[in-house]
Amino acid sequence: MKFLLLFFLPFCLLGQTDTPIKEVDWLKNYDSAMHISKEENKNVLVYFTGSDWCPPCKMLKRDLFDTDEFYELSKNYVLLYIDIPRNRDLLSTEQWEHNQALLKKLNKKGVFPLLTVLSPKGKVVNEYSGYGMTGEISYHLKFLEKNK
């Protein structure tokens, strides 16, 4: 029995980390994000997601947004989170209308997930859409590095 415990213990410890992943702060209001962007002279990273229905969005959160690499790159941006859930009860009416207006303005094709980088003047700098759900985030990291 001790042999089995000694054999399986290292596998149980593989998934544990000593330090928790740092959380980033996403704004949810376009005007606030643009105001901070102008003050700090940083581009805005707008993330369009369908939090309750989009499998690639859910996996992108885990594979990219919950990583230390993203945490470090996020310091170069003002972050704006635009959720378009199917369950409208997840958002206030005001937030739903705000997000729908931005969807029409910045995500006309309705692509999810979508990363859009805006300049402090509100101009679209670049976009990156989709996620292959393979765990491969190098393209996303290059996109973020390039557009900061």
N, C-alpha and C. Protein backbone atom coordinates (compact mmCIF):
# COMPACT_ATOMS: atom_id res chain seq x y z
N MET A 1 0.83 -1.20 0.00
CA MET A 1 0.00 0.00 0.00
C MET A 1 0.87 1.26 0.00
N LYS A 2 1.94 1.24 0.80
CA LYS A 2 2.84 2.39 0.84
C LYS A 2 3.47 2.64 -0.53
N PHE A 3 3.75 1.55 -1.24
CA PHE A 3 4.33 1.67 -2.57
C PHE A 3 3.41 2.44 -3.50
N LEU A 4 2.11 2.12 -3.47
CA LEU A 4 1.14 2.82 -4.31
C LEU A 4 1.07 4.29 -3.96
N LEU A 5 1.09 4.60 -2.67
CA LEU A 5 1.05 5.99 -2.23
C LEU A 5 2.28 6.75 -2.73
N LEU A 6 3.44 6.15 -2.59
CA LEU A 6 4.67 6.80 -3.05
C LEU A 6 4.69 6.96 -4.58
N PHE A 7 4.06 6.02 -5.27
CA PHE A 7 4.02 6.07 -6.72
C PHE A 7 3.09 7.19 -7.22
N PHE A 8 1.93 7.33 -6.60
CA PHE A 8 0.93 8.29 -7.08
C PHE A 8 1.08 9.70 -6.51
N LEU A 9 1.77 9.85 -5.39
CA LEU A 9 1.92 11.17 -4.75
C LEU A 9 2.54 12.21 -5.68
N PRO A 10 3.63 11.90 -6.40
CA PRO A 10 4.18 12.93 -7.31
C PRO A 10 3.19 13.39 -8.37
N PHE A 11 2.35 12.48 -8.88
CA PHE A 11 1.37 12.87 -9.89
C PHE A 11 0.31 13.80 -9.30
N CYS A 12 -0.03 13.61 -8.06
CA CYS A 12 -1.02 14.47 -7.41
C CYS A 12 -0.48 15.87 -7.21
N LEU A 13 0.81 15.98 -6.99
CA LEU A 13 1.42 17.28 -6.72
C LEU A 13 1.73 18.07 -7.99
N LEU A 14 1.74 17.42 -9.15
CA LEU A 14 2.08 18.10 -10.40
C LEU A 14 1.17 19.29 -10.71
N GLY A 15 -0.10 19.19 -10.42
CA GLY A 15 -1.05 20.24 -10.75
C GLY A 15 -1.06 21.40 -9.78
N GLN A 16 -0.33 21.28 -8.68
CA GLN A 16 -0.34 22.34 -7.67
C GLN A 16 0.77 23.34 -7.94
N THR A 17 0.48 24.60 -7.66
CA THR A 17 1.50 25.63 -7.81
C THR A 17 1.68 26.33 -6.48
N ASP A 18 2.84 26.93 -6.30
CA ASP A 18 3.13 27.62 -5.05
C ASP A 18 2.47 28.99 -4.99
N THR A 19 2.34 29.64 -6.16
CA THR A 19 1.76 30.98 -6.16
C THR A 19 0.49 31.00 -6.99
N PRO A 20 -0.52 31.66 -6.49
CA PRO A 20 -1.74 31.74 -7.28
C PRO A 20 -1.53 32.67 -8.47
N ILE A 21 -2.27 32.41 -9.54
CA ILE A 21 -2.20 33.26 -10.73
C ILE A 21 -2.82 34.61 -10.38
N LYS A 22 -2.16 35.66 -10.80
CA LYS A 22 -2.64 37.00 -10.49
C LYS A 22 -3.84 37.33 -11.36
N GLU A 23 -4.81 37.97 -10.78
CA GLU A 23 -6.02 38.38 -11.51
C GLU A 23 -5.78 39.74 -12.17
N VAL A 24 -6.35 39.91 -13.33
CA VAL A 24 -6.30 41.22 -13.99
C VAL A 24 -7.65 41.89 -13.83
N ASP A 25 -7.66 43.19 -13.88
CA ASP A 25 -8.90 43.96 -13.74
C ASP A 25 -9.40 44.38 -15.11
N TRP A 26 -10.56 43.85 -15.47
CA TRP A 26 -11.22 44.22 -16.73
C TRP A 26 -12.26 45.28 -16.44
N LEU A 27 -12.23 46.35 -17.19
CA LEU A 27 -13.30 47.34 -17.13
C LEU A 27 -14.46 46.84 -17.96
N LYS A 28 -15.64 47.38 -17.71
CA LYS A 28 -16.82 46.96 -18.46
C LYS A 28 -17.52 48.15 -19.12
N ASN A 29 -16.90 49.32 -19.03
CA ASN A 29 -17.49 50.51 -19.61
C ASN A 29 -16.52 51.13 -20.61
N TYR A 30 -16.99 51.29 -21.84
CA TYR A 30 -16.16 51.82 -22.92
C TYR A 30 -15.64 53.23 -22.61
N ASP A 31 -16.52 54.12 -22.15
CA ASP A 31 -16.09 55.49 -21.88
C ASP A 31 -15.01 55.55 -20.80
N SER A 32 -15.16 54.74 -19.77
CA SER A 32 -14.14 54.70 -18.71
C SER A 32 -12.81 54.19 -19.26
N ALA A 33 -12.88 53.14 -20.08
CA ALA A 33 -11.67 52.58 -20.66
C ALA A 33 -10.96 53.60 -21.55
N MET A 34 -11.72 54.31 -22.37
CA MET A 34 -11.12 55.31 -23.25
C MET A 34 -10.53 56.47 -22.46
N HIS A 35 -11.19 56.87 -21.39
CA HIS A 35 -10.68 57.95 -20.55
C HIS A 35 -9.32 57.55 -19.95
N ILE A 36 -9.24 56.36 -19.40
CA ILE A 36 -7.98 55.88 -18.81
C ILE A 36 -6.93 55.71 -19.89
N SER A 37 -7.33 55.23 -21.06
CA SER A 37 -6.41 55.04 -22.17
C SER A 37 -5.73 56.36 -22.55
N LYS A 38 -6.53 57.42 -22.62
CA LYS A 38 -5.98 58.73 -22.96
C LYS A 38 -5.06 59.25 -21.85
N GLU A 39 -5.48 59.09 -20.61
CA GLU A 39 -4.66 59.55 -19.47
C GLU A 39 -3.32 58.84 -19.41
N GLU A 40 -3.33 57.52 -19.64
CA GLU A 40 -2.11 56.71 -19.49
C GLU A 40 -1.40 56.45 -20.82
N ASN A 41 -1.98 56.94 -21.92
CA ASN A 41 -1.44 56.74 -23.25
C ASN A 41 -1.17 55.25 -23.53
N LYS A 42 -2.20 54.46 -23.27
CA LYS A 42 -2.14 53.02 -23.52
C LYS A 42 -3.25 52.64 -24.48
N ASN A 43 -2.99 51.62 -25.28
CA ASN A 43 -4.04 51.07 -26.12
C ASN A 43 -5.05 50.32 -25.25
N VAL A 44 -6.26 50.18 -25.77
CA VAL A 44 -7.32 49.44 -25.09
C VAL A 44 -7.42 48.07 -25.75
N LEU A 45 -7.42 47.02 -24.94
CA LEU A 45 -7.67 45.68 -25.42
C LEU A 45 -9.12 45.35 -25.11
N VAL A 46 -9.93 45.22 -26.16
CA VAL A 46 -11.34 44.89 -26.00
C VAL A 46 -11.50 43.40 -26.26
N TYR A 47 -12.12 42.71 -25.31
CA TYR A 47 -12.34 41.28 -25.44
C TYR A 47 -13.84 41.01 -25.53
N PHE A 48 -14.26 40.52 -26.70
CA PHE A 48 -15.66 40.13 -26.91
C PHE A 48 -15.79 38.64 -26.62
N THR A 49 -16.69 38.31 -25.71
CA THR A 49 -16.89 36.93 -25.32
C THR A 49 -18.37 36.62 -25.17
N GLY A 50 -18.69 35.36 -25.27
CA GLY A 50 -20.01 34.85 -24.93
C GLY A 50 -19.80 33.92 -23.75
N SER A 51 -19.76 34.48 -22.57
CA SER A 51 -19.29 33.76 -21.38
C SER A 51 -20.08 32.51 -21.04
N ASP A 52 -21.35 32.46 -21.40
CA ASP A 52 -22.16 31.32 -21.00
C ASP A 52 -22.47 30.35 -22.14
N TRP A 53 -21.96 30.61 -23.34
CA TRP A 53 -22.31 29.74 -24.47
C TRP A 53 -21.16 29.43 -25.42
N CYS A 54 -20.06 30.14 -25.32
CA CYS A 54 -18.96 30.03 -26.30
C CYS A 54 -17.82 29.17 -25.74
N PRO A 55 -17.73 27.89 -26.14
CA PRO A 55 -16.65 27.03 -25.64
C PRO A 55 -15.24 27.59 -25.90
N PRO A 56 -14.94 28.12 -27.11
CA PRO A 56 -13.60 28.68 -27.30
C PRO A 56 -13.31 29.86 -26.36
N CYS A 57 -14.34 30.65 -26.04
CA CYS A 57 -14.15 31.77 -25.10
C CYS A 57 -13.79 31.26 -23.71
N LYS A 58 -14.47 30.23 -23.28
CA LYS A 58 -14.21 29.65 -21.96
C LYS A 58 -12.79 29.08 -21.88
N MET A 59 -12.38 28.40 -22.95
CA MET A 59 -11.05 27.81 -22.96
C MET A 59 -9.97 28.88 -23.09
N LEU A 60 -10.25 29.94 -23.84
CA LEU A 60 -9.28 31.02 -23.97
C LEU A 60 -9.04 31.68 -22.62
N LYS A 61 -10.08 31.79 -21.82
CA LYS A 61 -9.92 32.35 -20.48
C LYS A 61 -8.91 31.52 -19.71
N ARG A 62 -9.10 30.22 -19.71
CA ARG A 62 -8.21 29.33 -18.96
C ARG A 62 -6.81 29.32 -19.56
N ASP A 63 -6.72 29.18 -20.88
CA ASP A 63 -5.43 28.99 -21.54
C ASP A 63 -4.61 30.27 -21.68
N LEU A 64 -5.28 31.41 -21.80
CA LEU A 64 -4.56 32.68 -22.00
C LEU A 64 -4.73 33.64 -20.83
N PHE A 65 -5.97 34.02 -20.57
CA PHE A 65 -6.20 35.11 -19.61
C PHE A 65 -5.83 34.74 -18.17
N ASP A 66 -5.80 33.47 -17.84
CA ASP A 66 -5.44 33.04 -16.49
C ASP A 66 -3.96 32.70 -16.36
N THR A 67 -3.12 33.21 -17.26
CA THR A 67 -1.69 32.90 -17.21
C THR A 67 -0.88 34.09 -16.74
N ASP A 68 0.32 33.79 -16.25
CA ASP A 68 1.24 34.85 -15.84
C ASP A 68 1.71 35.66 -17.05
N GLU A 69 1.84 35.01 -18.22
CA GLU A 69 2.26 35.74 -19.42
C GLU A 69 1.26 36.82 -19.77
N PHE A 70 -0.04 36.49 -19.72
CA PHE A 70 -1.05 37.49 -20.01
C PHE A 70 -1.04 38.57 -18.93
N TYR A 71 -0.88 38.18 -17.70
CA TYR A 71 -0.85 39.17 -16.61
C TYR A 71 0.22 40.22 -16.88
N GLU A 72 1.39 39.79 -17.29
CA GLU A 72 2.48 40.73 -17.56
C GLU A 72 2.17 41.61 -18.77
N LEU A 73 1.67 41.01 -19.85
CA LEU A 73 1.34 41.79 -21.05
C LEU A 73 0.17 42.75 -20.80
N SER A 74 -0.73 42.37 -19.93
CA SER A 74 -1.92 43.19 -19.67
C SER A 74 -1.57 44.54 -19.06
N LYS A 75 -0.40 44.65 -18.47
CA LYS A 75 0.03 45.91 -17.87
C LYS A 75 0.23 47.00 -18.93
N ASN A 76 0.36 46.58 -20.18
CA ASN A 76 0.56 47.52 -21.29
C ASN A 76 -0.74 48.02 -21.88
N TYR A 77 -1.87 47.53 -21.39
CA TYR A 77 -3.18 47.83 -21.96
C TYR A 77 -4.15 48.32 -20.91
N VAL A 78 -5.18 48.97 -21.37
CA VAL A 78 -6.40 49.16 -20.59
C VAL A 78 -7.32 48.05 -21.08
N LEU A 79 -7.85 47.25 -20.17
CA LEU A 79 -8.62 46.07 -20.55
C LEU A 79 -10.12 46.34 -20.48
N LEU A 80 -10.82 45.98 -21.55
CA LEU A 80 -12.27 46.18 -21.63
C LEU A 80 -12.94 44.86 -21.99
N TYR A 81 -13.80 44.38 -21.10
CA TYR A 81 -14.48 43.08 -21.23
C TYR A 81 -15.90 43.30 -21.69
N ILE A 82 -16.23 42.76 -22.87
CA ILE A 82 -17.58 42.90 -23.42
C ILE A 82 -18.19 41.52 -23.56
N ASP A 83 -19.12 41.23 -22.68
CA ASP A 83 -19.77 39.92 -22.65
C ASP A 83 -21.12 39.99 -23.35
N ILE A 84 -21.38 39.01 -24.20
CA ILE A 84 -22.67 38.89 -24.89
C ILE A 84 -23.23 37.50 -24.54
N PRO A 85 -23.73 37.34 -23.33
CA PRO A 85 -24.24 36.02 -22.94
C PRO A 85 -25.62 35.76 -23.55
N ARG A 86 -25.96 34.51 -23.67
CA ARG A 86 -27.31 34.16 -24.12
C ARG A 86 -28.31 34.41 -22.99
N ASN A 87 -27.87 34.14 -21.77
CA ASN A 87 -28.72 34.38 -20.60
C ASN A 87 -28.61 35.86 -20.24
N ARG A 88 -29.57 36.64 -20.67
CA ARG A 88 -29.52 38.09 -20.45
C ARG A 88 -29.62 38.47 -18.98
N ASP A 89 -30.05 37.54 -18.14
CA ASP A 89 -30.11 37.82 -16.70
C ASP A 89 -28.73 37.96 -16.07
N LEU A 90 -27.68 37.57 -16.79
CA LEU A 90 -26.33 37.69 -16.27
C LEU A 90 -25.84 39.14 -16.25
N LEU A 91 -26.50 40.00 -17.00
CA LEU A 91 -26.11 41.41 -17.08
C LEU A 91 -27.30 42.30 -16.73
N SER A 92 -26.99 43.48 -16.24
CA SER A 92 -28.05 44.46 -16.05
C SER A 92 -28.53 44.92 -17.43
N THR A 93 -29.72 45.49 -17.48
CA THR A 93 -30.25 46.00 -18.75
C THR A 93 -29.30 47.05 -19.32
N GLU A 94 -28.79 47.90 -18.47
CA GLU A 94 -27.86 48.95 -18.91
C GLU A 94 -26.59 48.35 -19.51
N GLN A 95 -26.02 47.33 -18.84
CA GLN A 95 -24.80 46.69 -19.33
C GLN A 95 -25.08 45.96 -20.64
N TRP A 96 -26.23 45.29 -20.73
CA TRP A 96 -26.61 44.59 -21.96
C TRP A 96 -26.67 45.55 -23.14
N GLU A 97 -27.33 46.68 -22.95
CA GLU A 97 -27.45 47.68 -24.02
C GLU A 97 -26.10 48.25 -24.40
N HIS A 98 -25.26 48.53 -23.41
CA HIS A 98 -23.91 49.03 -23.64
C HIS A 98 -23.12 48.03 -24.49
N ASN A 99 -23.15 46.75 -24.10
CA ASN A 99 -22.40 45.72 -24.81
C ASN A 99 -22.94 45.50 -26.22
N GLN A 100 -24.25 45.57 -26.39
CA GLN A 100 -24.85 45.41 -27.72
C GLN A 100 -24.42 46.56 -28.64
N ALA A 101 -24.36 47.76 -28.11
CA ALA A 101 -23.93 48.91 -28.91
C ALA A 101 -22.48 48.73 -29.35
N LEU A 102 -21.62 48.25 -28.46
CA LEU A 102 -20.21 48.02 -28.82
C LEU A 102 -20.07 46.86 -29.80
N LEU A 103 -20.92 45.87 -29.66
CA LEU A 103 -20.91 44.75 -30.60
C LEU A 103 -21.18 45.27 -32.02
N LYS A 104 -22.17 46.14 -32.15
CA LYS A 104 -22.51 46.70 -33.46
C LYS A 104 -21.41 47.62 -33.99
N LYS A 105 -20.73 48.30 -33.09
CA LYS A 105 -19.70 49.25 -33.49
C LYS A 105 -18.35 48.57 -33.80
N LEU A 106 -17.93 47.62 -32.94
CA LEU A 106 -16.58 47.07 -33.03
C LEU A 106 -16.50 45.61 -33.42
N ASN A 107 -17.64 44.92 -33.46
CA ASN A 107 -17.63 43.50 -33.80
C ASN A 107 -18.82 43.22 -34.72
N LYS A 108 -18.82 43.88 -35.86
CA LYS A 108 -19.96 43.83 -36.78
C LYS A 108 -20.25 42.43 -37.30
N LYS A 109 -19.25 41.58 -37.38
CA LYS A 109 -19.47 40.22 -37.88
C LYS A 109 -19.96 39.28 -36.77
N GLY A 110 -19.91 39.73 -35.53
CA GLY A 110 -20.36 38.89 -34.42
C GLY A 110 -19.47 37.69 -34.17
N VAL A 111 -18.16 37.88 -34.26
CA VAL A 111 -17.18 36.82 -34.08
C VAL A 111 -16.83 36.70 -32.60
N PHE A 112 -16.75 35.46 -32.13
CA PHE A 112 -16.37 35.20 -30.73
C PHE A 112 -15.40 34.04 -30.67
N PRO A 113 -14.38 34.13 -29.86
CA PRO A 113 -13.90 35.31 -29.17
C PRO A 113 -13.22 36.27 -30.15
N LEU A 114 -13.19 37.52 -29.78
CA LEU A 114 -12.54 38.55 -30.59
C LEU A 114 -11.75 39.48 -29.69
N LEU A 115 -10.48 39.69 -30.05
CA LEU A 115 -9.64 40.68 -29.38
C LEU A 115 -9.49 41.85 -30.35
N THR A 116 -9.84 43.04 -29.89
CA THR A 116 -9.69 44.25 -30.70
C THR A 116 -8.84 45.23 -29.92
N VAL A 117 -7.84 45.78 -30.56
CA VAL A 117 -6.99 46.78 -29.94
C VAL A 117 -7.37 48.14 -30.49
N LEU A 118 -7.65 49.06 -29.57
CA LEU A 118 -8.00 50.44 -29.93
C LEU A 118 -6.90 51.38 -29.46
N SER A 119 -6.64 52.40 -30.26
CA SER A 119 -5.69 53.44 -29.86
C SER A 119 -6.38 54.33 -28.81
N PRO A 120 -5.61 55.17 -28.11
CA PRO A 120 -6.24 56.10 -27.17
C PRO A 120 -7.25 57.05 -27.84
N LYS A 121 -7.19 57.18 -29.16
CA LYS A 121 -8.16 58.01 -29.88
C LYS A 121 -9.38 57.21 -30.33
N GLY A 122 -9.42 55.91 -30.01
CA GLY A 122 -10.57 55.09 -30.34
C GLY A 122 -10.52 54.42 -31.71
N LYS A 123 -9.39 54.53 -32.39
CA LYS A 123 -9.24 53.91 -33.71
C LYS A 123 -8.84 52.45 -33.55
N VAL A 124 -9.39 51.57 -34.41
CA VAL A 124 -9.02 50.16 -34.37
C VAL A 124 -7.59 50.01 -34.89
N VAL A 125 -6.73 49.46 -34.06
CA VAL A 125 -5.33 49.23 -34.41
C VAL A 125 -5.17 47.86 -35.06
N ASN A 126 -5.83 46.85 -34.46
CA ASN A 126 -5.70 45.49 -34.95
C ASN A 126 -6.77 44.62 -34.30
N GLU A 127 -7.02 43.45 -34.91
CA GLU A 127 -7.99 42.50 -34.37
C GLU A 127 -7.44 41.08 -34.51
N TYR A 128 -7.87 40.23 -33.60
CA TYR A 128 -7.53 38.81 -33.69
C TYR A 128 -8.76 38.03 -33.25
N SER A 129 -9.27 37.17 -34.12
CA SER A 129 -10.50 36.46 -33.80
C SER A 129 -10.28 34.96 -33.70
N GLY A 130 -11.13 34.34 -32.90
CA GLY A 130 -11.16 32.90 -32.79
C GLY A 130 -10.14 32.32 -31.83
N TYR A 131 -10.31 31.04 -31.59
CA TYR A 131 -9.39 30.25 -30.78
C TYR A 131 -9.59 28.79 -31.14
N GLY A 132 -8.50 28.10 -31.45
CA GLY A 132 -8.56 26.71 -31.89
C GLY A 132 -8.75 25.70 -30.78
N MET A 133 -8.74 26.14 -29.53
CA MET A 133 -8.98 25.29 -28.36
C MET A 133 -7.95 24.17 -28.23
N THR A 134 -6.74 24.39 -28.72
CA THR A 134 -5.69 23.38 -28.64
C THR A 134 -4.72 23.66 -27.49
N GLY A 135 -4.90 24.77 -26.83
CA GLY A 135 -3.96 25.18 -25.79
C GLY A 135 -2.83 26.02 -26.35
N GLU A 136 -2.80 26.20 -27.65
CA GLU A 136 -1.75 26.97 -28.32
C GLU A 136 -2.12 28.45 -28.28
N ILE A 137 -1.39 29.21 -27.46
CA ILE A 137 -1.69 30.64 -27.30
C ILE A 137 -0.57 31.53 -27.82
N SER A 138 0.42 30.95 -28.46
CA SER A 138 1.57 31.77 -28.90
C SER A 138 1.13 32.86 -29.87
N TYR A 139 0.14 32.58 -30.73
CA TYR A 139 -0.33 33.60 -31.67
C TYR A 139 -0.99 34.76 -30.92
N HIS A 140 -1.74 34.44 -29.89
CA HIS A 140 -2.39 35.47 -29.09
C HIS A 140 -1.34 36.31 -28.36
N LEU A 141 -0.33 35.65 -27.81
CA LEU A 141 0.72 36.38 -27.10
C LEU A 141 1.51 37.29 -28.06
N LYS A 142 1.78 36.81 -29.27
CA LYS A 142 2.47 37.64 -30.26
C LYS A 142 1.61 38.83 -30.65
N PHE A 143 0.31 38.60 -30.81
CA PHE A 143 -0.62 39.68 -31.11
C PHE A 143 -0.59 40.75 -30.02
N LEU A 144 -0.61 40.32 -28.77
CA LEU A 144 -0.60 41.27 -27.65
C LEU A 144 0.74 41.99 -27.57
N GLU A 145 1.83 41.28 -27.80
CA GLU A 145 3.15 41.89 -27.75
C GLU A 145 3.29 42.94 -28.87
N LYS A 146 2.79 42.62 -30.03
CA LYS A 146 2.91 43.50 -31.21
C LYS A 146 2.10 44.79 -31.07
N ASN A 147 0.95 44.72 -30.43
CA ASN A 147 0.02 45.85 -30.43
C ASN A 147 -0.02 46.67 -29.16
N LYS A 148 0.94 46.46 -28.27
CA LYS A 148 0.92 47.22 -27.01
C LYS A 148 1.31 48.66 -27.20
